[in-house]
Amino acid sequence: MRAALIQQIDQKTKPIGALGRLEALALQLGLVQQTQQPSLQQPTMLVFAADHGIVAEGVSPYPQAVTAQMVLNFLNGGAAINVFARQHGFDLHVVDSGVNAMFQPHPMLVDAKVGMGTVNFRHQPAMTAAQCEQAITRGAQIAREAIAQGSNVLALGEMGIGNTSSASCLMSVLCDLPMHQCVGRGTGLSDKGLQHKLSVLTSALQTHHVSAADPFHVLSVFGGFEIAMMVGALLAGAEGRCTLLIDGFIATAALLVAAKRYPQVIDYCVFAHCSDESGHATMLSHLNAQPLLHLGLRLGEGTGAVLAYPLLQSAVAFLNDMASFDSAGVSGQIQ
């Protein structure tokens, strides 16, 4: 399929390589779907939300209650991801993976709560092995349900006060990097707050002796319920031959876990953007990933993933609709 797709791309009425990254994107989409005529169907955004016990250590300038408040904002249609999902035609679902609050039923809400947030991983593992397995399995199930409804593009977003702390610890262990290269300001820490966060997370790493060879164990020690569900959703999405739109720092941390166990999942991933969270560029480099956009985003929610979607549409459009040299009667390149 690769050779056929490359020939198809090169025969379009343009110099070879003239559409740059769009050509690589078209090739990838064709390979994911195993067809020379890929299509994008029912793009779906899954926003996983959960709370984190590490917030008790003062690692975020926002209180934990903001997680639940933002979930309600999502359900009321008022957040950035709602605006961009409407603009770009995404089905949006909000998954309660483990928010420290109870919600009334809502058509957009998926109740998948594993617990009322993780425990404080500075002192003990964030979740039990059973909870981690439950979250991964539930995330996979949610992705499969979206695929069964006709989606072949899955974008994953997240909401969880404190989750940059989880992502930083996952990155440090799985990329074998010192914590100071992994920790960032999150939702806007001051210099003093950043130093405190670095101290707390360094202490947490010293408390737990984990090995990158067992990524799911690392996830259970430092992760969040929303990150674990994203791991499951990524793996199930790849199994279902979906294109996976990878958002920012937290979503990429979930992919780190998934790819450490199943490296092939990377083939299905389109890296939407490079976040302004300081560790994200290093994380992307570790994965040999080339993000499509650099917009200085650091919001999460899957916003960057949705904003990149028109580039996928353009890649599919030129592959399917652009004339070839033969069909247009244009002289091709002289060999």
Protein backbone atom coordinates (compact mmCIF):
# COMPACT_ATOMS: atom_id res chain seq x y z
CA MET A 1 0.00 0.00 0.00
CA ARG A 2 2.87 2.39 0.77
CA ALA A 3 4.36 2.16 -2.73
CA ALA A 4 0.96 2.61 -4.37
CA LEU A 5 0.15 5.65 -2.23
CA ILE A 6 3.52 7.28 -2.87
CA GLN A 7 3.07 6.80 -6.61
CA GLN A 8 -0.43 8.26 -6.40
CA ILE A 9 0.84 11.32 -4.49
CA ASP A 10 3.79 11.84 -6.83
CA GLN A 11 1.56 11.71 -9.93
CA LYS A 12 -0.55 14.66 -8.81
CA THR A 13 -0.15 17.85 -10.84
CA LYS A 14 2.66 19.33 -8.76
CA PRO A 15 6.39 18.94 -8.34
CA ILE A 16 7.28 15.92 -6.20
CA GLY A 17 7.16 16.91 -2.54
CA ALA A 18 5.69 20.34 -3.24
CA LEU A 19 2.84 19.88 -0.74
CA GLY A 20 5.35 19.16 2.02
CA ARG A 21 3.92 17.81 5.27
CA LEU A 22 0.49 17.36 3.66
CA GLU A 23 1.97 14.63 1.48
CA ALA A 24 3.30 12.73 4.51
CA LEU A 25 -0.08 13.18 6.19
CA ALA A 26 -1.96 11.83 3.16
CA LEU A 27 0.38 8.84 3.06
CA GLN A 28 -0.17 8.16 6.76
CA LEU A 29 -3.96 8.40 6.51
CA GLY A 30 -3.96 6.00 3.56
CA LEU A 31 -1.77 3.54 5.46
CA VAL A 32 -3.90 3.73 8.60
CA GLN A 33 -7.04 2.99 6.59
CA GLN A 34 -5.24 0.68 4.12
CA THR A 35 -6.77 2.38 1.11
CA GLN A 36 -5.78 4.76 -1.67
CA GLN A 37 -9.00 6.69 -1.08
CA PRO A 38 -9.08 7.49 2.64
CA SER A 39 -12.04 9.32 4.15
CA LEU A 40 -12.64 11.07 7.46
CA GLN A 41 -15.85 9.96 9.11
CA GLN A 42 -17.59 11.29 12.20
CA PRO A 43 -14.59 12.81 13.99
CA THR A 44 -15.04 12.33 17.72
CA MET A 45 -13.55 14.24 20.64
CA LEU A 46 -13.41 12.40 23.95
CA VAL A 47 -12.58 14.67 26.90
CA PHE A 48 -11.57 12.59 29.93
CA ALA A 49 -11.85 14.34 33.31
CA ALA A 50 -10.54 13.31 36.73
CA ASP A 51 -9.10 14.71 39.94
CA HIS A 52 -5.66 14.19 41.43
CA GLY A 53 -4.64 13.72 45.06
CA ILE A 54 -1.30 15.41 44.43
CA VAL A 55 -3.16 18.75 44.42
CA ALA A 56 -3.05 18.58 48.23
CA GLU A 57 0.67 19.43 47.93
CA GLY A 58 -0.04 22.85 46.40
CA VAL A 59 1.26 22.03 42.91
CA SER A 60 -1.49 23.97 41.10
CA PRO A 61 -2.61 27.60 41.41
CA TYR A 62 -6.22 26.43 40.93
CA PRO A 63 -8.27 24.53 43.53
CA GLN A 64 -9.40 20.99 42.81
CA ALA A 65 -13.03 22.14 42.56
CA VAL A 66 -12.23 23.67 39.16
CA THR A 67 -12.21 20.21 37.57
CA ALA A 68 -15.89 19.64 38.34
CA GLN A 69 -16.74 23.25 37.45
CA MET A 70 -15.11 22.86 34.05
CA VAL A 71 -16.96 19.59 33.43
CA LEU A 72 -20.20 21.51 33.95
CA ASN A 73 -18.89 24.20 31.58
CA PHE A 74 -18.27 21.50 28.95
CA LEU A 75 -21.77 20.11 29.42
CA ASN A 76 -23.23 23.62 29.12
CA GLY A 77 -21.34 24.18 25.86
CA GLY A 78 -19.27 27.12 27.08
CA ALA A 79 -15.63 25.95 26.96
CA ALA A 80 -13.06 26.41 24.20
CA ILE A 81 -13.37 22.78 23.18
CA ASN A 82 -17.12 23.19 22.72
CA VAL A 83 -16.56 26.15 20.41
CA PHE A 84 -13.93 24.41 18.30
CA ALA A 85 -15.78 21.06 18.21
CA ARG A 86 -18.86 22.84 16.86
CA GLN A 87 -16.76 24.74 14.32
CA HIS A 88 -15.07 21.62 12.96
CA GLY A 89 -17.96 19.14 13.19
CA PHE A 90 -16.73 16.91 16.02
CA ASP A 91 -19.00 14.78 18.17
CA LEU A 92 -18.03 15.76 21.71
CA HIS A 93 -18.30 13.46 24.72
CA VAL A 94 -17.17 14.28 28.26
CA VAL A 95 -16.02 11.26 30.26
CA ASP A 96 -16.14 11.39 34.06
CA SER A 97 -13.13 9.17 34.69
CA GLY A 98 -12.78 10.08 38.34
CA VAL A 99 -13.88 13.61 39.23
CA ASN A 100 -14.29 14.35 42.93
CA ALA A 101 -17.97 15.28 42.44
CA MET A 102 -21.21 13.71 41.28
CA PHE A 103 -23.01 14.87 38.14
CA GLN A 104 -26.59 14.66 36.95
CA PRO A 105 -27.12 12.56 33.81
CA HIS A 106 -26.49 14.49 30.61
CA PRO A 107 -26.56 13.40 26.95
CA MET A 108 -22.93 14.47 26.49
CA LEU A 109 -21.65 12.88 29.72
CA VAL A 110 -20.20 9.38 29.96
CA ASP A 111 -20.19 8.11 33.55
CA ALA A 112 -17.05 5.97 33.82
CA LYS A 113 -15.96 7.03 37.29
CA VAL A 114 -13.29 4.77 38.79
CA GLY A 115 -13.09 6.72 42.05
CA MET A 116 -13.38 10.21 43.51
CA GLY A 117 -9.93 11.16 42.25
CA THR A 118 -6.58 9.50 42.82
CA VAL A 119 -4.71 9.56 46.13
CA ASN A 120 -1.65 11.73 46.79
CA PHE A 121 1.22 10.01 44.98
CA ARG A 122 3.83 11.88 46.99
CA HIS A 123 3.16 9.34 49.73
CA GLN A 124 1.55 6.31 48.05
CA PRO A 125 0.64 5.09 44.55
CA ALA A 126 -2.01 7.23 42.87
CA MET A 127 -4.20 4.19 42.20
CA THR A 128 -4.24 0.47 42.74
CA ALA A 129 -3.29 -1.92 39.96
CA ALA A 130 -6.95 -2.97 39.75
CA GLN A 131 -8.11 0.64 39.38
CA CYS A 132 -5.51 1.25 36.68
CA GLU A 133 -6.63 -1.83 34.77
CA GLN A 134 -10.27 -0.81 35.16
CA ALA A 135 -9.55 2.66 33.76
CA ILE A 136 -7.56 1.35 30.79
CA THR A 137 -10.28 -1.19 29.98
CA ARG A 138 -13.06 1.41 30.27
CA GLY A 139 -11.18 3.85 28.06
CA ALA A 140 -10.80 1.16 25.41
CA GLN A 141 -14.51 0.38 25.64
CA ILE A 142 -15.44 4.05 25.16
CA ALA A 143 -13.23 4.28 22.07
CA ARG A 144 -14.74 1.10 20.62
CA GLU A 145 -18.23 2.52 21.14
CA ALA A 146 -17.28 5.63 19.16
CA ILE A 147 -15.86 3.45 16.38
CA ALA A 148 -19.03 1.36 16.36
CA GLN A 149 -21.01 4.58 15.86
CA GLY A 150 -19.02 5.23 12.67
CA SER A 151 -16.03 7.31 13.77
CA ASN A 152 -12.60 6.75 12.23
CA VAL A 153 -10.95 9.84 13.73
CA LEU A 154 -10.53 9.99 17.50
CA ALA A 155 -9.20 13.04 19.29
CA LEU A 156 -8.52 12.82 23.02
CA GLY A 157 -8.68 15.71 25.45
CA GLU A 158 -8.50 15.96 29.22
CA MET A 159 -9.43 18.05 32.22
CA GLY A 160 -7.95 17.56 35.67
CA ILE A 161 -6.40 20.04 38.06
CA GLY A 162 -2.98 18.62 38.92
CA ASN A 163 -2.60 16.44 35.86
CA THR A 164 0.54 18.16 34.58
CA SER A 165 2.20 16.82 37.74
CA SER A 166 1.19 13.28 36.79
CA ALA A 167 2.35 13.81 33.20
CA SER A 168 5.70 15.21 34.36
CA CYS A 169 6.38 12.16 36.53
CA LEU A 170 5.37 9.77 33.74
CA MET A 171 7.69 11.63 31.38
CA SER A 172 10.61 11.60 33.80
CA VAL A 173 10.41 7.83 34.32
CA LEU A 174 9.49 6.72 30.80
CA CYS A 175 11.89 9.09 29.01
CA ASP A 176 14.61 8.66 31.65
CA LEU A 177 14.97 12.41 32.14
CA PRO A 178 15.63 14.49 35.26
CA MET A 179 12.51 16.08 36.69
CA HIS A 180 13.63 19.65 35.99
CA GLN A 181 13.41 18.89 32.25
CA CYS A 182 9.85 17.58 32.63
CA VAL A 183 8.06 19.96 35.00
CA GLY A 184 6.34 23.14 33.84
CA ARG A 185 4.02 25.88 35.03
CA GLY A 186 0.81 23.98 34.30
CA THR A 187 -2.10 26.37 34.69
CA GLY A 188 0.20 29.30 35.45
CA LEU A 189 2.46 28.80 38.45
CA SER A 190 4.76 31.61 39.55
CA ASP A 191 8.53 31.06 39.74
CA LYS A 192 8.16 30.23 43.44
CA GLY A 193 5.28 27.88 42.71
CA LEU A 194 7.27 26.15 39.98
CA GLN A 195 10.16 25.52 42.36
CA HIS A 196 7.75 24.08 44.92
CA LYS A 197 6.20 21.81 42.29
CA LEU A 198 9.66 20.62 41.24
CA SER A 199 10.52 19.83 44.86
CA VAL A 200 7.28 17.91 45.44
CA LEU A 201 7.58 15.83 42.28
CA THR A 202 11.26 15.09 42.87
CA SER A 203 10.32 13.86 46.34
CA ALA A 204 7.57 11.68 44.85
CA LEU A 205 10.02 10.06 42.43
CA GLN A 206 12.34 9.27 45.33
CA THR A 207 9.48 7.70 47.29
CA HIS A 208 8.56 5.19 44.59
CA HIS A 209 11.02 2.85 42.95
CA VAL A 210 9.50 2.12 39.54
CA SER A 211 10.92 0.84 36.28
CA ALA A 212 10.15 2.09 32.79
CA ALA A 213 10.09 -1.57 31.76
CA ASP A 214 6.61 -1.83 33.33
CA PRO A 215 4.80 1.24 31.97
CA PHE A 216 1.37 0.27 33.33
CA HIS A 217 2.85 0.05 36.83
CA VAL A 218 4.40 3.50 36.37
CA LEU A 219 0.96 4.69 35.28
CA SER A 220 -0.68 3.27 38.40
CA VAL A 221 1.87 5.00 40.66
CA PHE A 222 1.89 8.47 39.11
CA GLY A 223 -1.03 8.65 36.69
CA GLY A 224 -4.59 9.84 36.83
CA PHE A 225 -7.79 8.02 36.00
CA GLU A 226 -8.24 10.22 32.92
CA ILE A 227 -4.70 9.48 31.70
CA ALA A 228 -5.22 5.74 32.17
CA MET A 229 -8.48 5.88 30.21
CA MET A 230 -6.71 7.76 27.44
CA VAL A 231 -4.14 4.95 27.28
CA GLY A 232 -6.93 2.44 26.74
CA ALA A 233 -8.67 4.65 24.19
CA LEU A 234 -5.46 5.11 22.20
CA LEU A 235 -4.80 1.38 22.02
CA ALA A 236 -8.39 0.50 21.09
CA GLY A 237 -8.43 3.29 18.51
CA ALA A 238 -5.33 1.87 16.85
CA GLU A 239 -6.85 -1.62 16.91
CA GLY A 240 -9.87 -0.15 15.13
CA ARG A 241 -7.67 1.52 12.46
CA CYS A 242 -8.62 5.01 13.60
CA THR A 243 -6.52 8.07 13.06
CA LEU A 244 -5.58 9.31 16.54
CA LEU A 245 -5.26 13.07 16.94
CA ILE A 246 -2.81 13.72 19.78
CA ASP A 247 -3.28 16.96 21.68
CA GLY A 248 -0.86 18.43 24.22
CA PHE A 249 1.31 17.53 27.20
CA ILE A 250 -1.17 15.29 29.06
CA ALA A 251 -2.42 13.43 25.98
CA THR A 252 1.15 12.85 24.82
CA ALA A 253 2.04 11.50 28.28
CA ALA A 254 -0.77 8.97 27.90
CA LEU A 255 0.69 8.03 24.52
CA LEU A 256 4.12 7.60 26.13
CA VAL A 257 2.63 4.91 28.35
CA ALA A 258 0.76 3.22 25.49
CA ALA A 259 3.74 3.32 23.13
CA LYS A 260 6.15 1.96 25.75
CA ARG A 261 3.99 -1.18 25.81
CA TYR A 262 2.84 -1.22 22.17
CA PRO A 263 5.19 0.85 19.95
CA GLN A 264 3.03 0.30 16.84
CA VAL A 265 0.40 2.69 18.22
CA ILE A 266 2.61 5.59 17.04
CA ASP A 267 1.82 4.73 13.41
CA TYR A 268 -1.80 5.76 13.98
CA CYS A 269 -1.01 9.07 15.68
CA VAL A 270 -1.10 12.53 14.15
CA PHE A 271 0.61 14.99 16.48
CA ALA A 272 -1.58 18.06 16.34
CA HIS A 273 0.61 20.70 17.98
CA CYS A 274 3.49 21.51 20.27
CA SER A 275 2.14 22.86 23.54
CA ASP A 276 3.61 25.80 25.42
CA GLU A 277 4.01 23.54 28.49
CA SER A 278 7.77 23.39 28.81
CA GLY A 279 8.22 19.60 28.71
CA HIS A 280 6.05 18.94 25.67
CA ALA A 281 8.66 19.70 22.99
CA THR A 282 11.10 17.31 24.69
CA MET A 283 8.42 14.65 24.97
CA LEU A 284 7.60 14.98 21.26
CA SER A 285 11.30 14.74 20.42
CA HIS A 286 11.55 11.53 22.45
CA LEU A 287 8.76 10.09 20.28
CA ASN A 288 10.36 11.40 17.05
CA ALA A 289 7.10 13.26 16.50
CA GLN A 290 6.62 16.26 14.22
CA PRO A 291 3.66 18.37 15.38
CA LEU A 292 1.55 20.09 12.74
CA LEU A 293 1.01 23.35 14.61
CA HIS A 294 2.96 25.67 16.93
CA LEU A 295 0.41 28.08 18.34
CA GLY A 296 1.61 28.57 21.91
CA LEU A 297 -1.39 26.66 23.25
CA ARG A 298 -1.42 25.26 26.81
CA LEU A 299 -5.13 24.82 27.48
CA GLY A 300 -5.68 21.09 27.13
CA GLU A 301 -9.27 19.94 26.61
CA GLY A 302 -8.20 18.59 23.20
CA THR A 303 -8.31 22.08 21.70
CA GLY A 304 -5.09 21.74 19.70
CA ALA A 305 -6.19 18.39 18.27
CA VAL A 306 -9.41 19.83 16.87
CA LEU A 307 -7.66 22.92 15.50
CA ALA A 308 -5.35 20.68 13.44
CA TYR A 309 -8.20 18.70 11.88
CA PRO A 310 -8.60 20.90 8.75
CA LEU A 311 -5.09 19.87 7.72
CA LEU A 312 -6.22 16.23 7.70
CA GLN A 313 -9.20 17.25 5.57
CA SER A 314 -6.89 18.99 3.11
CA ALA A 315 -4.58 15.97 2.93
CA VAL A 316 -7.48 13.66 2.11
CA ALA A 317 -8.95 16.15 -0.35
CA PHE A 318 -5.83 16.51 -2.47
CA LEU A 319 -5.22 12.76 -2.47
CA ASN A 320 -8.76 11.98 -3.61
CA ASP A 321 -9.66 14.98 -5.78
CA MET A 322 -6.52 16.52 -7.24
CA ALA A 323 -5.86 15.68 -10.89
CA SER A 324 -2.92 13.53 -11.96
CA PHE A 325 -0.60 14.50 -14.81
CA ASP A 326 -2.30 11.93 -17.03
CA SER A 327 -5.89 12.89 -16.22
CA ALA A 328 -5.18 16.60 -16.63
CA GLY A 329 -3.10 16.24 -19.77
CA VAL A 330 -0.18 17.99 -18.10
CA SER A 331 3.37 17.01 -18.94
CA GLY A 332 5.02 15.26 -16.00
CA GLN A 333 8.54 15.58 -14.76
CA ILE A 334 11.27 14.43 -17.16
CA GLN A 335 13.02 11.37 -15.72
